[in-house]
Amino acid sequence: MTATITRSHTVVDSPVGVLTLVATDGVLSGLYMEQQRHRPPEETFGERDDEPFGEVITQLGEYFAGDRKRFDLPMAFAGTDFQRRVWTQLCEIPYGETVSYGELAARLGKPSASRAVGLANGKNPIGLIVPCHRVVGSTGDLTGYGGGLPRKRYLLDFERGLSTG
């Protein structure tokens, strides 16, 4: 007998545009921006239901108000073991700081895997809350971001307390 998986979603406004939140069995499993690379098809998001997302919406509001530096939410990552390790490590990058793909690979004990780290980073299903925007190129340059480089710049400037207007 196969267990039934229930997915639901809601949509919220944010300073970086409309965000689609997705839950699997009531646990956050996706946060997608408009025109995001690797965004799953809408029909996979399940029925619209705001109920599972109260705490997620509260914490996002606190983040964008500048009152929250770290999210504390249960999350369900759907990915390979390596991807899940990368996404877990992303959550350890402090607010307002950045690391390079190579540095992240070294933290995972795989110093030659910066390309694989970049690919896993790009497929992060819970953007923003799992802060893939904090990963930059080896020279500090902004490189690839599923939500687009202008959003990445906005988020990094916001976290550093720089003008975002």
N, C-alpha and C. Protein backbone atom coordinates (compact mmCIF):
# COMPACT_ATOMS: atom_id res chain seq x y z
N MET A 1 0.84 -1.19 0.00
CA MET A 1 0.00 0.00 0.00
C MET A 1 0.88 1.24 0.00
N THR A 2 0.62 2.16 -0.91
CA THR A 2 1.39 3.39 -1.03
C THR A 2 0.71 4.51 -0.26
N ALA A 3 1.50 5.25 0.50
CA ALA A 3 0.96 6.38 1.25
C ALA A 3 0.59 7.50 0.29
N THR A 4 -0.50 8.17 0.58
CA THR A 4 -0.95 9.29 -0.23
C THR A 4 -0.22 10.55 0.22
N ILE A 5 0.34 11.27 -0.73
CA ILE A 5 1.02 12.53 -0.45
C ILE A 5 0.07 13.65 -0.79
N THR A 6 -0.07 14.59 0.14
CA THR A 6 -0.95 15.72 -0.08
C THR A 6 -0.11 16.99 -0.25
N ARG A 7 -0.34 17.67 -1.36
CA ARG A 7 0.35 18.94 -1.60
C ARG A 7 -0.68 20.06 -1.61
N SER A 8 -0.24 21.20 -1.09
CA SER A 8 -1.08 22.39 -1.13
C SER A 8 -0.16 23.59 -1.34
N HIS A 9 -0.76 24.71 -1.69
CA HIS A 9 0.05 25.91 -1.91
C HIS A 9 -0.73 27.16 -1.56
N THR A 10 0.01 28.24 -1.46
CA THR A 10 -0.58 29.57 -1.34
C THR A 10 0.35 30.54 -2.03
N VAL A 11 -0.11 31.75 -2.23
CA VAL A 11 0.65 32.78 -2.91
C VAL A 11 0.68 34.01 -2.02
N VAL A 12 1.87 34.60 -1.85
CA VAL A 12 2.01 35.79 -1.02
C VAL A 12 2.84 36.83 -1.76
N ASP A 13 2.58 38.09 -1.46
CA ASP A 13 3.38 39.18 -2.00
C ASP A 13 4.61 39.37 -1.14
N SER A 14 5.69 39.86 -1.76
CA SER A 14 6.92 40.16 -1.03
C SER A 14 7.66 41.27 -1.75
N PRO A 15 8.68 41.83 -1.13
CA PRO A 15 9.49 42.84 -1.82
C PRO A 15 10.23 42.32 -3.06
N VAL A 16 10.34 41.01 -3.21
CA VAL A 16 10.98 40.44 -4.41
C VAL A 16 9.94 39.86 -5.37
N GLY A 17 8.70 40.24 -5.18
CA GLY A 17 7.63 39.78 -6.06
C GLY A 17 6.78 38.71 -5.41
N VAL A 18 5.88 38.17 -6.20
CA VAL A 18 4.96 37.15 -5.71
C VAL A 18 5.73 35.86 -5.44
N LEU A 19 5.46 35.26 -4.27
CA LEU A 19 6.08 34.00 -3.90
C LEU A 19 5.00 32.93 -3.82
N THR A 20 5.28 31.77 -4.36
CA THR A 20 4.39 30.62 -4.24
C THR A 20 4.99 29.68 -3.22
N LEU A 21 4.26 29.43 -2.15
CA LEU A 21 4.68 28.51 -1.10
C LEU A 21 3.98 27.18 -1.33
N VAL A 22 4.72 26.09 -1.22
CA VAL A 22 4.19 24.75 -1.44
C VAL A 22 4.46 23.91 -0.19
N ALA A 23 3.47 23.15 0.24
CA ALA A 23 3.63 22.22 1.36
C ALA A 23 3.35 20.81 0.88
N THR A 24 4.12 19.87 1.42
CA THR A 24 3.88 18.45 1.21
C THR A 24 3.52 17.86 2.56
N ASP A 25 2.32 17.32 2.65
CA ASP A 25 1.81 16.80 3.93
C ASP A 25 1.95 17.82 5.05
N GLY A 26 1.66 19.09 4.72
CA GLY A 26 1.64 20.16 5.71
C GLY A 26 2.98 20.76 6.06
N VAL A 27 4.06 20.31 5.42
CA VAL A 27 5.41 20.81 5.71
C VAL A 27 5.94 21.54 4.48
N LEU A 28 6.55 22.70 4.69
CA LEU A 28 7.08 23.50 3.59
C LEU A 28 8.04 22.69 2.74
N SER A 29 7.74 22.60 1.44
CA SER A 29 8.60 21.86 0.52
C SER A 29 8.99 22.69 -0.69
N GLY A 30 8.45 23.90 -0.80
CA GLY A 30 8.80 24.75 -1.93
C GLY A 30 8.51 26.21 -1.66
N LEU A 31 9.38 27.06 -2.17
CA LEU A 31 9.15 28.51 -2.19
C LEU A 31 9.70 28.96 -3.53
N TYR A 32 8.80 29.40 -4.39
CA TYR A 32 9.18 29.73 -5.76
C TYR A 32 8.80 31.16 -6.09
N MET A 33 9.72 31.83 -6.82
CA MET A 33 9.48 33.19 -7.29
C MET A 33 8.90 33.13 -8.69
N GLU A 34 8.33 34.24 -9.11
CA GLU A 34 7.84 34.34 -10.49
C GLU A 34 9.02 34.20 -11.45
N GLN A 35 8.81 33.56 -12.56
CA GLN A 35 9.83 33.36 -13.59
C GLN A 35 11.11 32.76 -13.03
N GLN A 36 10.99 31.87 -12.05
CA GLN A 36 12.16 31.23 -11.46
C GLN A 36 12.59 30.04 -12.30
N ARG A 37 13.88 29.95 -12.52
CA ARG A 37 14.43 28.79 -13.21
C ARG A 37 14.17 27.56 -12.35
N HIS A 38 13.91 26.44 -12.92
CA HIS A 38 13.62 25.17 -12.24
C HIS A 38 12.34 25.22 -11.40
N ARG A 39 11.44 26.11 -11.75
CA ARG A 39 10.14 26.16 -11.06
C ARG A 39 9.28 25.01 -11.59
N PRO A 40 8.77 24.17 -10.69
CA PRO A 40 7.92 23.06 -11.17
C PRO A 40 6.63 23.59 -11.79
N PRO A 41 5.95 22.77 -12.58
CA PRO A 41 4.67 23.18 -13.15
C PRO A 41 3.64 23.45 -12.04
N GLU A 42 2.83 24.46 -12.24
CA GLU A 42 1.81 24.87 -11.25
C GLU A 42 0.92 23.70 -10.83
N GLU A 43 0.60 22.81 -11.78
CA GLU A 43 -0.32 21.72 -11.45
C GLU A 43 0.26 20.75 -10.41
N THR A 44 1.56 20.84 -10.15
CA THR A 44 2.15 19.96 -9.12
C THR A 44 2.05 20.54 -7.72
N PHE A 45 1.56 21.78 -7.60
CA PHE A 45 1.52 22.47 -6.31
C PHE A 45 0.34 22.06 -5.44
N GLY A 46 -0.62 21.36 -5.98
CA GLY A 46 -1.79 20.95 -5.20
C GLY A 46 -2.81 22.07 -5.10
N GLU A 47 -3.83 21.82 -4.29
CA GLU A 47 -4.91 22.79 -4.10
C GLU A 47 -4.43 24.00 -3.33
N ARG A 48 -5.10 25.12 -3.56
CA ARG A 48 -4.77 26.32 -2.79
C ARG A 48 -5.35 26.17 -1.39
N ASP A 49 -4.50 26.38 -0.39
CA ASP A 49 -4.89 26.26 1.01
C ASP A 49 -3.90 27.06 1.83
N ASP A 50 -4.36 28.13 2.46
CA ASP A 50 -3.48 29.00 3.22
C ASP A 50 -3.08 28.41 4.58
N GLU A 51 -3.85 27.46 5.09
CA GLU A 51 -3.68 26.98 6.47
C GLU A 51 -2.27 26.50 6.82
N PRO A 52 -1.61 25.68 6.00
CA PRO A 52 -0.30 25.17 6.42
C PRO A 52 0.81 26.22 6.46
N PHE A 53 0.52 27.44 6.02
CA PHE A 53 1.59 28.41 5.80
C PHE A 53 1.63 29.58 6.78
N GLY A 54 0.84 29.54 7.83
CA GLY A 54 0.79 30.66 8.77
C GLY A 54 2.14 31.06 9.31
N GLU A 55 2.90 30.09 9.83
CA GLU A 55 4.21 30.40 10.42
C GLU A 55 5.22 30.79 9.35
N VAL A 56 5.14 30.20 8.18
CA VAL A 56 6.04 30.57 7.08
C VAL A 56 5.81 32.03 6.72
N ILE A 57 4.56 32.42 6.57
CA ILE A 57 4.22 33.80 6.20
C ILE A 57 4.66 34.76 7.29
N THR A 58 4.46 34.38 8.55
CA THR A 58 4.89 35.22 9.67
C THR A 58 6.40 35.43 9.62
N GLN A 59 7.16 34.35 9.44
CA GLN A 59 8.61 34.47 9.44
C GLN A 59 9.13 35.23 8.21
N LEU A 60 8.49 35.05 7.06
CA LEU A 60 8.87 35.84 5.88
C LEU A 60 8.63 37.33 6.14
N GLY A 61 7.50 37.66 6.76
CA GLY A 61 7.21 39.05 7.10
C GLY A 61 8.25 39.62 8.04
N GLU A 62 8.66 38.85 9.04
CA GLU A 62 9.69 39.30 9.97
C GLU A 62 11.03 39.49 9.26
N TYR A 63 11.34 38.58 8.34
CA TYR A 63 12.58 38.70 7.57
C TYR A 63 12.59 40.00 6.77
N PHE A 64 11.52 40.24 6.01
CA PHE A 64 11.48 41.43 5.17
C PHE A 64 11.32 42.72 5.97
N ALA A 65 10.90 42.62 7.23
CA ALA A 65 10.85 43.79 8.11
C ALA A 65 12.22 44.05 8.75
N GLY A 66 13.16 43.12 8.53
CA GLY A 66 14.49 43.25 9.12
C GLY A 66 14.58 42.71 10.53
N ASP A 67 13.55 42.00 10.98
CA ASP A 67 13.50 41.50 12.36
C ASP A 67 13.89 40.04 12.49
N ARG A 68 14.13 39.35 11.41
CA ARG A 68 14.49 37.92 11.48
C ARG A 68 15.72 37.69 10.63
N LYS A 69 16.71 37.05 11.23
CA LYS A 69 17.96 36.77 10.52
C LYS A 69 18.09 35.29 10.14
N ARG A 70 17.30 34.44 10.76
CA ARG A 70 17.37 33.00 10.50
C ARG A 70 15.96 32.42 10.59
N PHE A 71 15.61 31.59 9.63
CA PHE A 71 14.29 30.95 9.64
C PHE A 71 14.34 29.70 10.51
N ASP A 72 13.24 29.45 11.18
CA ASP A 72 13.12 28.27 12.05
C ASP A 72 11.81 27.58 11.69
N LEU A 73 11.88 26.77 10.64
CA LEU A 73 10.69 26.12 10.10
C LEU A 73 11.00 24.68 9.75
N PRO A 74 10.04 23.78 9.94
CA PRO A 74 10.24 22.44 9.41
C PRO A 74 10.16 22.50 7.88
N MET A 75 11.07 21.75 7.23
CA MET A 75 11.09 21.75 5.77
C MET A 75 11.24 20.32 5.27
N ALA A 76 10.63 20.05 4.14
CA ALA A 76 10.74 18.74 3.49
C ALA A 76 11.47 18.93 2.17
N PHE A 77 12.73 18.50 2.13
CA PHE A 77 13.53 18.61 0.91
C PHE A 77 13.35 17.37 0.05
N ALA A 78 12.98 17.57 -1.21
CA ALA A 78 12.91 16.46 -2.15
C ALA A 78 14.07 16.62 -3.12
N GLY A 79 15.07 15.76 -2.97
CA GLY A 79 16.24 15.83 -3.83
C GLY A 79 17.17 14.68 -3.52
N THR A 80 18.30 14.66 -4.21
CA THR A 80 19.28 13.63 -3.95
C THR A 80 19.93 13.87 -2.60
N ASP A 81 20.65 12.88 -2.11
CA ASP A 81 21.36 13.03 -0.84
C ASP A 81 22.33 14.21 -0.92
N PHE A 82 23.07 14.31 -2.04
CA PHE A 82 24.02 15.41 -2.19
C PHE A 82 23.31 16.76 -2.20
N GLN A 83 22.21 16.87 -2.94
CA GLN A 83 21.46 18.13 -2.97
C GLN A 83 21.00 18.51 -1.56
N ARG A 84 20.46 17.56 -0.82
CA ARG A 84 19.97 17.84 0.53
C ARG A 84 21.11 18.29 1.43
N ARG A 85 22.30 17.70 1.26
CA ARG A 85 23.46 18.14 2.04
C ARG A 85 23.84 19.58 1.70
N VAL A 86 23.81 19.93 0.42
CA VAL A 86 24.10 21.30 0.00
C VAL A 86 23.07 22.25 0.60
N TRP A 87 21.79 21.91 0.47
CA TRP A 87 20.74 22.81 0.96
C TRP A 87 20.81 22.98 2.47
N THR A 88 21.15 21.92 3.19
CA THR A 88 21.32 22.03 4.63
C THR A 88 22.48 22.95 4.95
N GLN A 89 23.57 22.83 4.20
CA GLN A 89 24.74 23.68 4.42
C GLN A 89 24.43 25.14 4.10
N LEU A 90 23.56 25.39 3.13
CA LEU A 90 23.17 26.77 2.80
C LEU A 90 22.57 27.46 4.03
N CYS A 91 21.82 26.71 4.81
CA CYS A 91 21.16 27.28 5.99
C CYS A 91 22.17 27.71 7.06
N GLU A 92 23.42 27.28 6.93
CA GLU A 92 24.46 27.63 7.89
C GLU A 92 25.20 28.91 7.51
N ILE A 93 24.94 29.45 6.32
CA ILE A 93 25.60 30.69 5.92
C ILE A 93 24.93 31.84 6.67
N PRO A 94 25.69 32.59 7.46
CA PRO A 94 25.08 33.65 8.26
C PRO A 94 24.42 34.74 7.42
N TYR A 95 23.38 35.30 7.97
CA TYR A 95 22.65 36.43 7.39
C TYR A 95 23.65 37.53 7.02
N GLY A 96 23.51 38.05 5.80
CA GLY A 96 24.34 39.17 5.38
C GLY A 96 25.73 38.79 4.92
N GLU A 97 26.06 37.51 4.95
CA GLU A 97 27.39 37.06 4.52
C GLU A 97 27.24 36.22 3.25
N THR A 98 28.36 36.04 2.57
CA THR A 98 28.37 35.21 1.38
C THR A 98 29.53 34.22 1.46
N VAL A 99 29.40 33.14 0.72
CA VAL A 99 30.49 32.17 0.53
C VAL A 99 30.53 31.83 -0.95
N SER A 100 31.68 31.36 -1.39
CA SER A 100 31.80 30.95 -2.79
C SER A 100 31.34 29.50 -2.94
N TYR A 101 31.09 29.13 -4.18
CA TYR A 101 30.73 27.74 -4.48
C TYR A 101 31.84 26.80 -4.02
N GLY A 102 33.10 27.20 -4.25
CA GLY A 102 34.23 26.39 -3.84
C GLY A 102 34.31 26.24 -2.33
N GLU A 103 34.06 27.33 -1.61
CA GLU A 103 34.08 27.26 -0.15
C GLU A 103 32.98 26.34 0.37
N LEU A 104 31.81 26.42 -0.24
CA LEU A 104 30.71 25.55 0.15
C LEU A 104 31.06 24.09 -0.13
N ALA A 105 31.70 23.84 -1.27
CA ALA A 105 32.13 22.48 -1.60
C ALA A 105 33.13 21.97 -0.55
N ALA A 106 34.05 22.82 -0.15
CA ALA A 106 35.04 22.43 0.86
C ALA A 106 34.36 22.12 2.19
N ARG A 107 33.35 22.91 2.56
CA ARG A 107 32.61 22.67 3.81
C ARG A 107 31.93 21.31 3.79
N LEU A 108 31.59 20.84 2.60
CA LEU A 108 30.94 19.54 2.44
C LEU A 108 31.96 18.40 2.35
N GLY A 109 33.24 18.75 2.43
CA GLY A 109 34.28 17.74 2.32
C GLY A 109 34.54 17.30 0.89
N LYS A 110 34.10 18.10 -0.07
CA LYS A 110 34.26 17.79 -1.50
C LYS A 110 34.83 19.01 -2.21
N PRO A 111 36.10 19.37 -1.91
CA PRO A 111 36.66 20.63 -2.43
C PRO A 111 36.68 20.77 -3.94
N SER A 112 36.62 19.67 -4.68
CA SER A 112 36.64 19.77 -6.15
C SER A 112 35.23 19.76 -6.74
N ALA A 113 34.22 19.84 -5.90
CA ALA A 113 32.83 19.71 -6.38
C ALA A 113 32.09 21.04 -6.49
N SER A 114 32.81 22.14 -6.74
CA SER A 114 32.12 23.43 -6.78
C SER A 114 31.06 23.49 -7.88
N ARG A 115 31.31 22.83 -9.00
CA ARG A 115 30.30 22.81 -10.08
C ARG A 115 29.05 22.05 -9.64
N ALA A 116 29.24 20.92 -8.99
CA ALA A 116 28.10 20.13 -8.49
C ALA A 116 27.34 20.92 -7.42
N VAL A 117 28.07 21.64 -6.59
CA VAL A 117 27.43 22.49 -5.58
C VAL A 117 26.59 23.56 -6.27
N GLY A 118 27.13 24.15 -7.34
CA GLY A 118 26.39 25.16 -8.09
C GLY A 118 25.10 24.60 -8.69
N LEU A 119 25.19 23.40 -9.22
CA LEU A 119 23.99 22.77 -9.80
C LEU A 119 22.95 22.48 -8.71
N ALA A 120 23.39 21.96 -7.57
CA ALA A 120 22.46 21.69 -6.46
C ALA A 120 21.87 23.00 -5.94
N ASN A 121 22.70 24.02 -5.84
CA ASN A 121 22.25 25.32 -5.38
C ASN A 121 21.14 25.86 -6.28
N GLY A 122 21.33 25.70 -7.58
CA GLY A 122 20.35 26.18 -8.55
C GLY A 122 19.02 25.45 -8.49
N LYS A 123 19.03 24.24 -7.95
CA LYS A 123 17.79 23.46 -7.86
C LYS A 123 17.17 23.52 -6.46
N ASN A 124 17.67 24.41 -5.63
CA ASN A 124 17.12 24.59 -4.29
C ASN A 124 15.61 24.85 -4.39
N PRO A 125 14.78 23.99 -3.81
CA PRO A 125 13.34 24.16 -3.93
C PRO A 125 12.73 25.14 -2.94
N ILE A 126 13.51 25.59 -1.97
CA ILE A 126 12.95 26.48 -0.94
C ILE A 126 13.80 27.74 -0.90
N GLY A 127 13.84 28.43 -2.05
CA GLY A 127 14.63 29.65 -2.18
C GLY A 127 14.28 30.66 -1.09
N LEU A 128 15.22 31.54 -0.83
CA LEU A 128 15.09 32.60 0.14
C LEU A 128 15.20 32.07 1.57
N ILE A 129 14.34 31.15 1.96
CA ILE A 129 14.41 30.58 3.31
C ILE A 129 15.66 29.71 3.43
N VAL A 130 15.97 28.94 2.40
CA VAL A 130 17.24 28.24 2.28
C VAL A 130 18.07 29.18 1.39
N PRO A 131 18.97 29.96 2.00
CA PRO A 131 19.52 31.16 1.35
C PRO A 131 20.58 30.92 0.28
N CYS A 132 20.15 30.38 -0.85
CA CYS A 132 21.07 30.15 -1.96
C CYS A 132 21.57 31.46 -2.56
N HIS A 133 20.89 32.57 -2.25
CA HIS A 133 21.34 33.87 -2.74
C HIS A 133 22.66 34.29 -2.09
N ARG A 134 23.07 33.63 -1.03
CA ARG A 134 24.31 33.97 -0.32
C ARG A 134 25.54 33.29 -0.90
N VAL A 135 25.38 32.58 -2.01
CA VAL A 135 26.52 31.92 -2.65
C VAL A 135 26.91 32.72 -3.88
N VAL A 136 28.21 33.03 -3.96
CA VAL A 136 28.73 33.88 -5.04
C VAL A 136 29.91 33.19 -5.72
N GLY A 137 30.36 33.79 -6.81
CA GLY A 137 31.52 33.25 -7.51
C GLY A 137 32.79 33.40 -6.69
N SER A 138 33.86 32.77 -7.13
CA SER A 138 35.12 32.76 -6.38
C SER A 138 35.72 34.15 -6.22
N THR A 139 35.37 35.09 -7.11
CA THR A 139 35.88 36.45 -7.00
C THR A 139 34.91 37.37 -6.28
N GLY A 140 33.82 36.80 -5.78
CA GLY A 140 32.80 37.60 -5.10
C GLY A 140 31.73 38.13 -6.03
N ASP A 141 31.87 37.84 -7.33
CA ASP A 141 30.88 38.29 -8.31
C ASP A 141 29.57 37.53 -8.13
N LEU A 142 28.47 38.21 -8.44
CA LEU A 142 27.19 37.54 -8.45
C LEU A 142 27.13 36.65 -9.67
N THR A 143 26.85 35.39 -9.43
CA THR A 143 26.71 34.45 -10.53
C THR A 143 25.40 33.73 -10.33
N GLY A 144 24.82 33.29 -11.41
CA GLY A 144 23.56 32.56 -11.42
C GLY A 144 22.70 32.63 -10.17
N TYR A 145 21.44 32.81 -10.38
CA TYR A 145 20.46 32.75 -9.31
C TYR A 145 19.13 32.41 -9.96
N GLY A 146 18.50 31.36 -9.47
CA GLY A 146 17.24 30.90 -10.06
C GLY A 146 16.18 31.98 -10.13
N GLY A 147 16.23 32.93 -9.20
CA GLY A 147 15.25 34.02 -9.18
C GLY A 147 15.69 35.23 -9.98
N GLY A 148 16.87 35.15 -10.60
CA GLY A 148 17.41 36.26 -11.39
C GLY A 148 18.39 37.10 -10.58
N LEU A 149 19.41 37.61 -11.26
CA LEU A 149 20.45 38.38 -10.57
C LEU A 149 19.94 39.65 -9.90
N PRO A 150 18.96 40.37 -10.47
CA PRO A 150 18.46 41.56 -9.76
C PRO A 150 17.88 41.20 -8.37
N ARG A 151 17.18 40.07 -8.27
CA ARG A 151 16.66 39.64 -6.96
C ARG A 151 17.80 39.26 -6.02
N LYS A 152 18.80 38.59 -6.55
CA LYS A 152 19.94 38.21 -5.73
C LYS A 152 20.61 39.47 -5.17
N ARG A 153 20.85 40.45 -6.03
CA ARG A 153 21.46 41.71 -5.59
C ARG A 153 20.59 42.37 -4.52
N TYR A 154 19.28 42.42 -4.76
CA TYR A 154 18.36 43.02 -3.79
C TYR A 154 18.49 42.34 -2.43
N LEU A 155 18.44 41.01 -2.42
CA LEU A 155 18.49 40.27 -1.15
C LEU A 155 19.80 40.47 -0.42
N LEU A 156 20.92 40.44 -1.14
CA LEU A 156 22.22 40.66 -0.50
C LEU A 156 22.33 42.08 0.02
N ASP A 157 21.91 43.06 -0.77
CA ASP A 157 21.94 44.45 -0.29
C ASP A 157 21.03 44.63 0.92
N PHE A 158 19.85 44.05 0.86
CA PHE A 158 18.90 44.13 1.97
C PHE A 158 19.53 43.58 3.25
N GLU A 159 20.14 42.40 3.16
CA GLU A 159 20.72 41.77 4.34
C GLU A 159 21.92 42.55 4.86
N ARG A 160 22.58 43.28 4.02
CA ARG A 160 23.74 44.07 4.44
C ARG A 160 23.35 45.48 4.89
N GLY A 161 22.03 45.73 4.87
CA GLY A 161 21.55 47.03 5.32
C GLY A 161 21.79 48.14 4.34
N LEU A 162 22.03 47.80 3.09
CA LEU A 162 22.26 48.81 2.05
C LEU A 162 20.92 49.22 1.46
N SER A 163 20.92 50.39 0.89
CA SER A 163 19.70 50.90 0.26
C SER A 163 19.22 49.93 -0.81
N THR A 164 17.95 49.60 -0.77
CA THR A 164 17.39 48.71 -1.79
C THR A 164 16.38 49.45 -2.64
N GLY A 165 16.32 50.74 -2.54
CA GLY A 165 15.37 51.50 -3.33
C GLY A 165 15.97 51.91 -4.58
